[in-house]
Amino acid sequence: MSENEENEPRDRARLPNGVVVRAVRLSDAEEITDLMNLPGYRAGTLRPPYQTIEEVRKRMENPSPGALNLVVTLNGKIVGNCGLNRLGGRRQHVASVGMGVHDDFTGRGFGRILLGAMVEAADDWLDVKRLELTVYTDNDAAIGLYEKFGFEREGLLRAFGFRSGEYVDAYTMARLRP
């Protein structure tokens, strides 16, 4: 089996033509770096500007234990990525989630496809009871997406991150597996 076949989902019938959700590959480092350096993508994260391919590749080469990292592609181009990091010890039933979509592809359903794949993996394969995330309070599109997947706001984190010269608030949100 080729590397491509090995990392692609077995059931692609649910996805639109040309759309694939798959595990991240080391060969994706350059394309993921480009994605992370887009202004809109970066604005929703804690990442500083000017990420290098070497920094991204190093994180890809040393994932956290129990991590799951996915990308969604359109005709072979990465248009979004999502990561799940499993916690340990007495919180081993919990995982944190982070994701982003390419600036030119927001509002087209790629976030929904990607988060759907991650929630399905967490619920049906990884036995994750609680998914957690943080989201800036001004990111209405992301908040709406998370709420559609059952995430609820649990708290307000004041001055959570520094973005574009000012401190911004974030919500902490979580979803408990039904």
N, C-alpha and C. Protein backbone atom coordinates (compact mmCIF):
# COMPACT_ATOMS: atom_id res chain seq x y z
N MET A 1 0.85 -1.17 0.00
CA MET A 1 0.00 0.00 0.00
C MET A 1 0.89 1.23 0.00
N SER A 2 0.58 2.24 -0.81
CA SER A 2 1.39 3.45 -0.88
C SER A 2 1.13 4.33 0.34
N GLU A 3 2.03 5.31 0.56
CA GLU A 3 1.86 6.24 1.69
C GLU A 3 0.53 6.97 1.56
N ASN A 4 0.16 7.37 0.34
CA ASN A 4 -1.09 8.10 0.15
C ASN A 4 -2.29 7.24 0.52
N GLU A 5 -2.34 6.01 0.02
CA GLU A 5 -3.47 5.13 0.31
C GLU A 5 -3.56 4.82 1.80
N GLU A 6 -2.40 4.65 2.42
CA GLU A 6 -2.36 4.28 3.83
C GLU A 6 -2.97 5.36 4.72
N ASN A 7 -2.80 6.63 4.36
CA ASN A 7 -3.25 7.73 5.21
C ASN A 7 -4.61 8.28 4.81
N GLU A 8 -5.22 7.80 3.75
CA GLU A 8 -6.52 8.31 3.34
C GLU A 8 -7.63 7.50 4.00
N PRO A 9 -8.76 8.16 4.24
CA PRO A 9 -9.87 7.43 4.86
C PRO A 9 -10.39 6.35 3.93
N ARG A 10 -10.91 5.30 4.53
CA ARG A 10 -11.44 4.20 3.72
C ARG A 10 -12.80 4.55 3.11
N ASP A 11 -13.58 5.38 3.78
CA ASP A 11 -14.92 5.73 3.30
C ASP A 11 -14.95 7.18 2.88
N ARG A 12 -14.72 7.42 1.58
CA ARG A 12 -14.74 8.78 1.07
C ARG A 12 -16.08 9.16 0.48
N ALA A 13 -17.06 8.30 0.55
CA ALA A 13 -18.36 8.55 -0.07
C ALA A 13 -19.05 9.78 0.52
N ARG A 14 -18.76 10.09 1.78
CA ARG A 14 -19.41 11.22 2.44
C ARG A 14 -18.80 12.56 2.08
N LEU A 15 -17.63 12.57 1.49
CA LEU A 15 -16.92 13.82 1.20
C LEU A 15 -17.18 14.28 -0.23
N PRO A 16 -17.21 15.60 -0.44
CA PRO A 16 -17.36 16.12 -1.81
C PRO A 16 -16.18 15.69 -2.68
N ASN A 17 -16.38 15.71 -3.98
CA ASN A 17 -15.32 15.34 -4.93
C ASN A 17 -14.07 16.17 -4.69
N GLY A 18 -12.93 15.50 -4.68
CA GLY A 18 -11.65 16.17 -4.53
C GLY A 18 -11.26 16.47 -3.09
N VAL A 19 -12.13 16.18 -2.13
CA VAL A 19 -11.86 16.47 -0.71
C VAL A 19 -11.44 15.18 -0.01
N VAL A 20 -10.32 15.25 0.72
CA VAL A 20 -9.81 14.11 1.46
C VAL A 20 -9.40 14.59 2.85
N VAL A 21 -9.74 13.84 3.86
CA VAL A 21 -9.23 14.05 5.22
C VAL A 21 -8.25 12.92 5.47
N ARG A 22 -7.06 13.28 5.92
CA ARG A 22 -6.03 12.27 6.15
C ARG A 22 -5.10 12.70 7.26
N ALA A 23 -4.29 11.77 7.72
CA ALA A 23 -3.26 12.06 8.72
C ALA A 23 -2.18 12.95 8.10
N VAL A 24 -1.60 13.78 8.92
CA VAL A 24 -0.49 14.64 8.50
C VAL A 24 0.72 13.77 8.17
N ARG A 25 1.45 14.19 7.16
CA ARG A 25 2.71 13.52 6.76
C ARG A 25 3.86 14.51 6.93
N LEU A 26 5.05 14.01 7.16
CA LEU A 26 6.21 14.90 7.25
C LEU A 26 6.39 15.70 5.97
N SER A 27 6.02 15.12 4.85
CA SER A 27 6.15 15.83 3.57
C SER A 27 5.20 17.02 3.47
N ASP A 28 4.28 17.17 4.43
CA ASP A 28 3.35 18.30 4.45
C ASP A 28 3.93 19.54 5.12
N ALA A 29 5.13 19.44 5.67
CA ALA A 29 5.68 20.52 6.51
C ALA A 29 5.67 21.87 5.80
N GLU A 30 6.10 21.93 4.57
CA GLU A 30 6.17 23.22 3.88
C GLU A 30 4.78 23.81 3.66
N GLU A 31 3.85 22.98 3.24
CA GLU A 31 2.49 23.46 2.98
C GLU A 31 1.78 23.88 4.28
N ILE A 32 2.02 23.14 5.36
CA ILE A 32 1.43 23.50 6.65
C ILE A 32 2.05 24.80 7.17
N THR A 33 3.35 24.97 6.96
CA THR A 33 4.00 26.23 7.35
C THR A 33 3.38 27.40 6.60
N ASP A 34 3.17 27.26 5.31
CA ASP A 34 2.52 28.32 4.53
C ASP A 34 1.14 28.64 5.10
N LEU A 35 0.40 27.61 5.45
CA LEU A 35 -0.93 27.77 6.03
C LEU A 35 -0.86 28.56 7.34
N MET A 36 0.05 28.16 8.22
CA MET A 36 0.18 28.80 9.53
C MET A 36 0.62 30.26 9.45
N ASN A 37 1.27 30.63 8.35
CA ASN A 37 1.74 32.00 8.19
C ASN A 37 0.73 32.92 7.53
N LEU A 38 -0.43 32.41 7.13
CA LEU A 38 -1.47 33.27 6.57
C LEU A 38 -2.03 34.16 7.67
N PRO A 39 -2.30 35.43 7.38
CA PRO A 39 -2.75 36.35 8.44
C PRO A 39 -4.06 35.94 9.10
N GLY A 40 -5.04 35.48 8.36
CA GLY A 40 -6.32 35.09 8.94
C GLY A 40 -6.20 33.84 9.78
N TYR A 41 -5.48 32.87 9.27
CA TYR A 41 -5.25 31.62 10.02
C TYR A 41 -4.55 31.93 11.33
N ARG A 42 -3.46 32.67 11.24
CA ARG A 42 -2.65 32.99 12.42
C ARG A 42 -3.43 33.80 13.45
N ALA A 43 -4.33 34.68 13.01
CA ALA A 43 -5.10 35.53 13.92
C ALA A 43 -5.94 34.71 14.90
N GLY A 44 -6.31 33.51 14.52
CA GLY A 44 -7.12 32.66 15.40
C GLY A 44 -6.30 31.75 16.29
N THR A 45 -4.98 31.87 16.24
CA THR A 45 -4.11 30.98 17.01
C THR A 45 -3.20 31.78 17.94
N LEU A 46 -2.40 31.08 18.69
CA LEU A 46 -1.38 31.72 19.53
C LEU A 46 -0.02 31.75 18.85
N ARG A 47 0.04 31.33 17.60
CA ARG A 47 1.32 31.27 16.90
C ARG A 47 1.80 32.66 16.51
N PRO A 48 3.10 32.90 16.68
CA PRO A 48 3.65 34.18 16.21
C PRO A 48 3.81 34.14 14.69
N PRO A 49 4.00 35.30 14.07
CA PRO A 49 4.22 35.30 12.62
C PRO A 49 5.58 34.71 12.26
N TYR A 50 5.73 34.43 11.00
CA TYR A 50 7.00 33.98 10.42
C TYR A 50 7.47 32.63 10.96
N GLN A 51 6.57 31.68 11.02
CA GLN A 51 6.95 30.31 11.37
C GLN A 51 7.88 29.79 10.28
N THR A 52 8.88 29.02 10.66
CA THR A 52 9.78 28.45 9.66
C THR A 52 9.41 26.98 9.42
N ILE A 53 9.80 26.51 8.26
CA ILE A 53 9.56 25.11 7.92
C ILE A 53 10.26 24.21 8.93
N GLU A 54 11.45 24.59 9.37
CA GLU A 54 12.20 23.78 10.33
C GLU A 54 11.46 23.67 11.66
N GLU A 55 10.87 24.79 12.15
CA GLU A 55 10.12 24.75 13.41
C GLU A 55 8.90 23.84 13.29
N VAL A 56 8.19 23.98 12.19
CA VAL A 56 6.99 23.18 11.98
C VAL A 56 7.35 21.70 11.83
N ARG A 57 8.37 21.42 11.05
CA ARG A 57 8.80 20.03 10.86
C ARG A 57 9.23 19.41 12.19
N LYS A 58 9.94 20.16 13.03
CA LYS A 58 10.38 19.64 14.33
C LYS A 58 9.18 19.25 15.19
N ARG A 59 8.13 20.09 15.21
CA ARG A 59 6.92 19.74 15.97
C ARG A 59 6.24 18.51 15.36
N MET A 60 6.27 18.42 14.03
CA MET A 60 5.66 17.26 13.37
C MET A 60 6.42 15.97 13.68
N GLU A 61 7.73 16.06 13.80
CA GLU A 61 8.56 14.89 14.06
C GLU A 61 8.45 14.40 15.50
N ASN A 62 8.00 15.27 16.40
CA ASN A 62 7.93 14.94 17.83
C ASN A 62 6.54 15.22 18.38
N PRO A 63 5.53 14.51 17.89
CA PRO A 63 4.18 14.77 18.40
C PRO A 63 4.03 14.30 19.84
N SER A 64 3.08 14.89 20.53
CA SER A 64 2.77 14.45 21.90
C SER A 64 2.26 13.01 21.86
N PRO A 65 2.49 12.25 22.94
CA PRO A 65 1.94 10.89 22.98
C PRO A 65 0.41 10.94 22.85
N GLY A 66 -0.14 10.10 22.02
CA GLY A 66 -1.59 10.05 21.84
C GLY A 66 -2.14 11.15 20.95
N ALA A 67 -1.29 11.92 20.30
CA ALA A 67 -1.75 13.01 19.44
C ALA A 67 -2.31 12.45 18.13
N LEU A 68 -3.26 13.17 17.57
CA LEU A 68 -3.79 12.88 16.24
C LEU A 68 -3.79 14.18 15.47
N ASN A 69 -3.13 14.20 14.33
CA ASN A 69 -3.03 15.40 13.51
C ASN A 69 -3.55 15.09 12.12
N LEU A 70 -4.56 15.86 11.70
CA LEU A 70 -5.22 15.65 10.42
C LEU A 70 -5.12 16.89 9.54
N VAL A 71 -5.23 16.67 8.24
CA VAL A 71 -5.40 17.75 7.28
C VAL A 71 -6.61 17.44 6.41
N VAL A 72 -7.21 18.48 5.87
CA VAL A 72 -8.22 18.32 4.84
C VAL A 72 -7.63 18.92 3.57
N THR A 73 -7.74 18.18 2.47
CA THR A 73 -7.19 18.65 1.21
C THR A 73 -8.31 18.79 0.18
N LEU A 74 -8.09 19.71 -0.74
CA LEU A 74 -8.97 19.87 -1.89
C LEU A 74 -8.09 19.71 -3.12
N ASN A 75 -8.34 18.66 -3.88
CA ASN A 75 -7.54 18.35 -5.06
C ASN A 75 -6.05 18.35 -4.76
N GLY A 76 -5.71 17.79 -3.60
CA GLY A 76 -4.31 17.63 -3.21
C GLY A 76 -3.72 18.82 -2.46
N LYS A 77 -4.41 19.95 -2.37
CA LYS A 77 -3.91 21.14 -1.67
C LYS A 77 -4.45 21.14 -0.24
N ILE A 78 -3.58 21.33 0.74
CA ILE A 78 -4.02 21.40 2.13
C ILE A 78 -4.77 22.71 2.34
N VAL A 79 -6.03 22.59 2.80
CA VAL A 79 -6.86 23.77 3.05
C VAL A 79 -7.22 23.92 4.53
N GLY A 80 -6.78 22.99 5.37
CA GLY A 80 -7.03 23.11 6.80
C GLY A 80 -6.32 22.00 7.54
N ASN A 81 -6.08 22.26 8.84
CA ASN A 81 -5.49 21.22 9.67
C ASN A 81 -6.09 21.28 11.06
N CYS A 82 -5.98 20.15 11.76
CA CYS A 82 -6.57 20.01 13.09
C CYS A 82 -5.71 19.06 13.89
N GLY A 83 -5.51 19.40 15.15
CA GLY A 83 -4.73 18.54 16.02
C GLY A 83 -5.48 18.23 17.30
N LEU A 84 -5.30 17.02 17.78
CA LEU A 84 -5.86 16.57 19.04
C LEU A 84 -4.70 16.11 19.90
N ASN A 85 -4.63 16.63 21.12
CA ASN A 85 -3.58 16.23 22.06
C ASN A 85 -4.23 15.64 23.30
N ARG A 86 -3.92 14.39 23.53
CA ARG A 86 -4.48 13.65 24.67
C ARG A 86 -3.75 14.04 25.94
N LEU A 87 -4.49 14.24 27.00
CA LEU A 87 -3.89 14.54 28.29
C LEU A 87 -3.59 13.23 29.01
N GLY A 88 -2.95 13.30 30.14
CA GLY A 88 -2.55 12.07 30.82
C GLY A 88 -3.02 12.02 32.26
N GLY A 89 -2.62 10.95 32.91
CA GLY A 89 -2.94 10.76 34.31
C GLY A 89 -4.44 10.74 34.56
N ARG A 90 -4.86 11.50 35.55
CA ARG A 90 -6.28 11.52 35.92
C ARG A 90 -7.12 12.31 34.93
N ARG A 91 -6.47 12.84 33.89
CA ARG A 91 -7.20 13.53 32.83
C ARG A 91 -7.00 12.81 31.49
N GLN A 92 -6.73 11.52 31.55
CA GLN A 92 -6.49 10.77 30.31
C GLN A 92 -7.74 10.63 29.45
N HIS A 93 -8.89 10.95 30.00
CA HIS A 93 -10.14 10.91 29.24
C HIS A 93 -10.39 12.21 28.48
N VAL A 94 -9.43 13.15 28.56
CA VAL A 94 -9.58 14.49 27.99
C VAL A 94 -8.56 14.70 26.89
N ALA A 95 -8.96 15.45 25.86
CA ALA A 95 -8.04 15.87 24.81
C ALA A 95 -8.34 17.32 24.45
N SER A 96 -7.30 18.04 24.09
CA SER A 96 -7.48 19.41 23.61
C SER A 96 -7.41 19.40 22.09
N VAL A 97 -8.16 20.31 21.49
CA VAL A 97 -8.27 20.38 20.04
C VAL A 97 -7.90 21.79 19.59
N GLY A 98 -7.18 21.87 18.49
CA GLY A 98 -6.89 23.14 17.83
C GLY A 98 -6.99 22.93 16.33
N MET A 99 -7.47 23.95 15.62
CA MET A 99 -7.62 23.79 14.17
C MET A 99 -7.57 25.13 13.47
N GLY A 100 -7.44 25.09 12.17
CA GLY A 100 -7.47 26.29 11.36
C GLY A 100 -7.73 25.95 9.91
N VAL A 101 -8.27 26.93 9.18
CA VAL A 101 -8.59 26.76 7.76
C VAL A 101 -7.89 27.87 6.98
N HIS A 102 -7.41 27.53 5.80
CA HIS A 102 -6.75 28.45 4.88
C HIS A 102 -7.61 29.69 4.67
N ASP A 103 -7.00 30.85 4.67
CA ASP A 103 -7.73 32.12 4.52
C ASP A 103 -8.66 32.13 3.31
N ASP A 104 -8.23 31.54 2.21
CA ASP A 104 -9.03 31.56 0.97
C ASP A 104 -10.14 30.51 0.94
N PHE A 105 -10.23 29.68 1.98
CA PHE A 105 -11.20 28.58 1.97
C PHE A 105 -12.15 28.59 3.17
N THR A 106 -12.17 29.68 3.93
CA THR A 106 -13.08 29.76 5.07
C THR A 106 -14.52 29.89 4.58
N GLY A 107 -15.44 29.42 5.38
CA GLY A 107 -16.86 29.53 5.03
C GLY A 107 -17.33 28.56 3.97
N ARG A 108 -16.52 27.59 3.62
CA ARG A 108 -16.88 26.64 2.55
C ARG A 108 -17.08 25.21 3.07
N GLY A 109 -17.11 25.04 4.38
CA GLY A 109 -17.40 23.73 4.95
C GLY A 109 -16.20 22.88 5.30
N PHE A 110 -14.99 23.37 5.06
CA PHE A 110 -13.80 22.56 5.34
C PHE A 110 -13.57 22.41 6.84
N GLY A 111 -13.86 23.44 7.61
CA GLY A 111 -13.76 23.34 9.06
C GLY A 111 -14.73 22.31 9.61
N ARG A 112 -15.94 22.30 9.08
CA ARG A 112 -16.96 21.33 9.50
C ARG A 112 -16.50 19.91 9.18
N ILE A 113 -15.95 19.71 8.00
CA ILE A 113 -15.47 18.37 7.60
C ILE A 113 -14.34 17.93 8.51
N LEU A 114 -13.40 18.82 8.76
CA LEU A 114 -12.23 18.49 9.56
C LEU A 114 -12.60 18.23 11.02
N LEU A 115 -13.40 19.12 11.61
CA LEU A 115 -13.81 18.92 13.00
C LEU A 115 -14.68 17.68 13.13
N GLY A 116 -15.51 17.41 12.14
CA GLY A 116 -16.33 16.20 12.16
C GLY A 116 -15.49 14.95 12.20
N ALA A 117 -14.41 14.93 11.40
CA ALA A 117 -13.51 13.78 11.40
C ALA A 117 -12.82 13.62 12.75
N MET A 118 -12.43 14.74 13.34
CA MET A 118 -11.73 14.68 14.63
C MET A 118 -12.67 14.24 15.74
N VAL A 119 -13.89 14.77 15.77
CA VAL A 119 -14.86 14.37 16.79
C VAL A 119 -15.20 12.89 16.64
N GLU A 120 -15.37 12.43 15.41
CA GLU A 120 -15.65 11.01 15.17
C GLU A 120 -14.51 10.13 15.69
N ALA A 121 -13.28 10.53 15.40
CA ALA A 121 -12.13 9.75 15.88
C ALA A 121 -12.09 9.74 17.41
N ALA A 122 -12.33 10.90 18.02
CA ALA A 122 -12.30 11.00 19.49
C ALA A 122 -13.38 10.13 20.12
N ASP A 123 -14.59 10.19 19.55
CA ASP A 123 -15.73 9.46 20.11
C ASP A 123 -15.66 7.96 19.84
N ASP A 124 -15.37 7.59 18.60
CA ASP A 124 -15.53 6.21 18.17
C ASP A 124 -14.26 5.36 18.24
N TRP A 125 -13.10 5.99 18.32
CA TRP A 125 -11.86 5.23 18.25
C TRP A 125 -10.91 5.49 19.41
N LEU A 126 -10.92 6.70 19.95
CA LEU A 126 -9.93 7.07 20.96
C LEU A 126 -10.49 7.08 22.38
N ASP A 127 -11.79 6.87 22.52
CA ASP A 127 -12.44 6.85 23.83
C ASP A 127 -12.17 8.13 24.63
N VAL A 128 -12.27 9.28 23.93
CA VAL A 128 -12.12 10.57 24.59
C VAL A 128 -13.50 10.99 25.09
N LYS A 129 -13.61 11.23 26.36
CA LYS A 129 -14.88 11.64 26.97
C LYS A 129 -15.09 13.15 26.84
N ARG A 130 -14.01 13.93 26.98
CA ARG A 130 -14.11 15.39 27.00
C ARG A 130 -13.12 16.00 26.00
N LEU A 131 -13.64 16.80 25.08
CA LEU A 131 -12.80 17.58 24.16
C LEU A 131 -12.83 19.03 24.62
N GLU A 132 -11.65 19.64 24.72
CA GLU A 132 -11.53 21.03 25.16
C GLU A 132 -10.86 21.87 24.08
N LEU A 133 -11.17 23.16 24.10
CA LEU A 133 -10.50 24.09 23.21
C LEU A 133 -10.62 25.50 23.76
N THR A 134 -9.81 26.39 23.23
CA THR A 134 -9.98 27.81 23.50
C THR A 134 -10.18 28.49 22.17
N VAL A 135 -10.95 29.57 22.18
CA VAL A 135 -11.24 30.32 20.95
C VAL A 135 -11.38 31.78 21.32
N TYR A 136 -10.80 32.65 20.53
CA TYR A 136 -10.93 34.09 20.78
C TYR A 136 -12.39 34.49 20.73
N THR A 137 -12.78 35.38 21.62
CA THR A 137 -14.19 35.77 21.73
C THR A 137 -14.71 36.49 20.49
N ASP A 138 -13.83 37.01 19.64
CA ASP A 138 -14.27 37.70 18.43
C ASP A 138 -14.32 36.78 17.20
N ASN A 139 -14.07 35.49 17.39
CA ASN A 139 -14.07 34.53 16.27
C ASN A 139 -15.44 33.87 16.18
N ASP A 140 -16.43 34.65 15.74
CA ASP A 140 -17.82 34.18 15.70
C ASP A 140 -18.01 32.94 14.84
N ALA A 141 -17.32 32.87 13.70
CA ALA A 141 -17.49 31.71 12.82
C ALA A 141 -17.03 30.43 13.51
N ALA A 142 -15.89 30.48 14.17
CA ALA A 142 -15.38 29.29 14.86
C ALA A 142 -16.28 28.92 16.03
N ILE A 143 -16.72 29.91 16.78
CA ILE A 143 -17.60 29.63 17.92
C ILE A 143 -18.87 28.94 17.43
N GLY A 144 -19.45 29.44 16.35
CA GLY A 144 -20.65 28.82 15.78
C GLY A 144 -20.41 27.39 15.35
N LEU A 145 -19.27 27.13 14.72
CA LEU A 145 -18.92 25.77 14.31
C LEU A 145 -18.80 24.86 15.52
N TYR A 146 -18.09 25.30 16.53
CA TYR A 146 -17.90 24.47 17.72
C TYR A 146 -19.24 24.17 18.40
N GLU A 147 -20.10 25.16 18.47
CA GLU A 147 -21.41 24.95 19.09
C GLU A 147 -22.24 23.94 18.31
N LYS A 148 -22.11 23.92 16.98
CA LYS A 148 -22.83 22.92 16.18
C LYS A 148 -22.39 21.50 16.50
N PHE A 149 -21.16 21.36 16.98
CA PHE A 149 -20.64 20.04 17.35
C PHE A 149 -20.82 19.74 18.84
N GLY A 150 -21.59 20.57 19.53
CA GLY A 150 -21.90 20.31 20.92
C GLY A 150 -20.95 20.92 21.94
N PHE A 151 -20.01 21.74 21.50
CA PHE A 151 -19.14 22.42 22.45
C PHE A 151 -19.93 23.52 23.14
N GLU A 152 -19.68 23.69 24.42
CA GLU A 152 -20.34 24.73 25.21
C GLU A 152 -19.29 25.63 25.84
N ARG A 153 -19.64 26.90 25.97
CA ARG A 153 -18.75 27.85 26.63
C ARG A 153 -18.74 27.54 28.13
N GLU A 154 -17.54 27.43 28.67
CA GLU A 154 -17.42 27.13 30.10
C GLU A 154 -16.80 28.29 30.87
N GLY A 155 -16.12 29.17 30.19
CA GLY A 155 -15.51 30.28 30.91
C GLY A 155 -14.91 31.31 29.97
N LEU A 156 -14.62 32.46 30.54
CA LEU A 156 -13.99 33.57 29.83
C LEU A 156 -12.57 33.71 30.35
N LEU A 157 -11.62 33.70 29.46
CA LEU A 157 -10.21 33.88 29.81
C LEU A 157 -9.81 35.29 29.39
N ARG A 158 -9.72 36.19 30.35
CA ARG A 158 -9.42 37.59 30.06
C ARG A 158 -7.95 37.77 29.74
N ALA A 159 -7.66 38.64 28.76
CA ALA A 159 -6.29 38.91 28.31
C ALA A 159 -5.55 37.59 28.04
N PHE A 160 -6.22 36.68 27.37
CA PHE A 160 -5.71 35.34 27.11
C PHE A 160 -4.47 35.35 26.22
N GLY A 161 -4.51 36.14 25.15
CA GLY A 161 -3.40 36.15 24.20
C GLY A 161 -3.10 37.56 23.74
N PHE A 162 -1.92 37.74 23.18
CA PHE A 162 -1.49 39.03 22.65
C PHE A 162 -1.51 38.91 21.13
N ARG A 163 -2.34 39.73 20.49
CA ARG A 163 -2.52 39.66 19.04
C ARG A 163 -2.60 41.05 18.47
N SER A 164 -1.82 41.31 17.47
CA SER A 164 -1.83 42.59 16.76
C SER A 164 -1.72 43.78 17.71
N GLY A 165 -0.84 43.66 18.69
CA GLY A 165 -0.56 44.76 19.59
C GLY A 165 -1.50 44.96 20.75
N GLU A 166 -2.42 44.03 20.96
CA GLU A 166 -3.33 44.16 22.10
C GLU A 166 -3.68 42.80 22.67
N TYR A 167 -4.12 42.82 23.93
CA TYR A 167 -4.54 41.60 24.60
C TYR A 167 -5.98 41.29 24.20
N VAL A 168 -6.24 40.02 23.95
CA VAL A 168 -7.58 39.60 23.54
C VAL A 168 -8.07 38.49 24.47
N ASP A 169 -9.38 38.46 24.65
CA ASP A 169 -10.03 37.46 25.50
C ASP A 169 -10.34 36.21 24.69
N ALA A 170 -10.52 35.12 25.40
CA ALA A 170 -10.90 33.86 24.76
C ALA A 170 -11.92 33.16 25.64
N TYR A 171 -12.70 32.32 24.99
CA TYR A 171 -13.59 31.42 25.71
C TYR A 171 -12.90 30.08 25.85
N THR A 172 -13.13 29.42 26.94
CA THR A 172 -12.79 28.01 27.04
C THR A 172 -14.10 27.26 26.77
N MET A 173 -14.03 26.31 25.87
CA MET A 173 -15.20 25.53 25.48
C MET A 173 -14.89 24.06 25.61
N ALA A 174 -15.91 23.26 25.86
CA ALA A 174 -15.72 21.82 25.95
C ALA A 174 -16.96 21.10 25.44
N ARG A 175 -16.72 19.87 25.05
CA ARG A 175 -17.78 18.98 24.57
C ARG A 175 -17.60 17.65 25.30
N LEU A 176 -18.67 17.19 25.94
CA LEU A 176 -18.63 15.87 26.56
C LEU A 176 -19.29 14.88 25.62
N ARG A 177 -18.65 13.73 25.43
CA ARG A 177 -19.20 12.71 24.54
C ARG A 177 -20.56 12.30 25.08
N PRO A 178 -21.56 12.29 24.21
CA PRO A 178 -22.92 11.91 24.67
C PRO A 178 -22.98 10.48 25.19
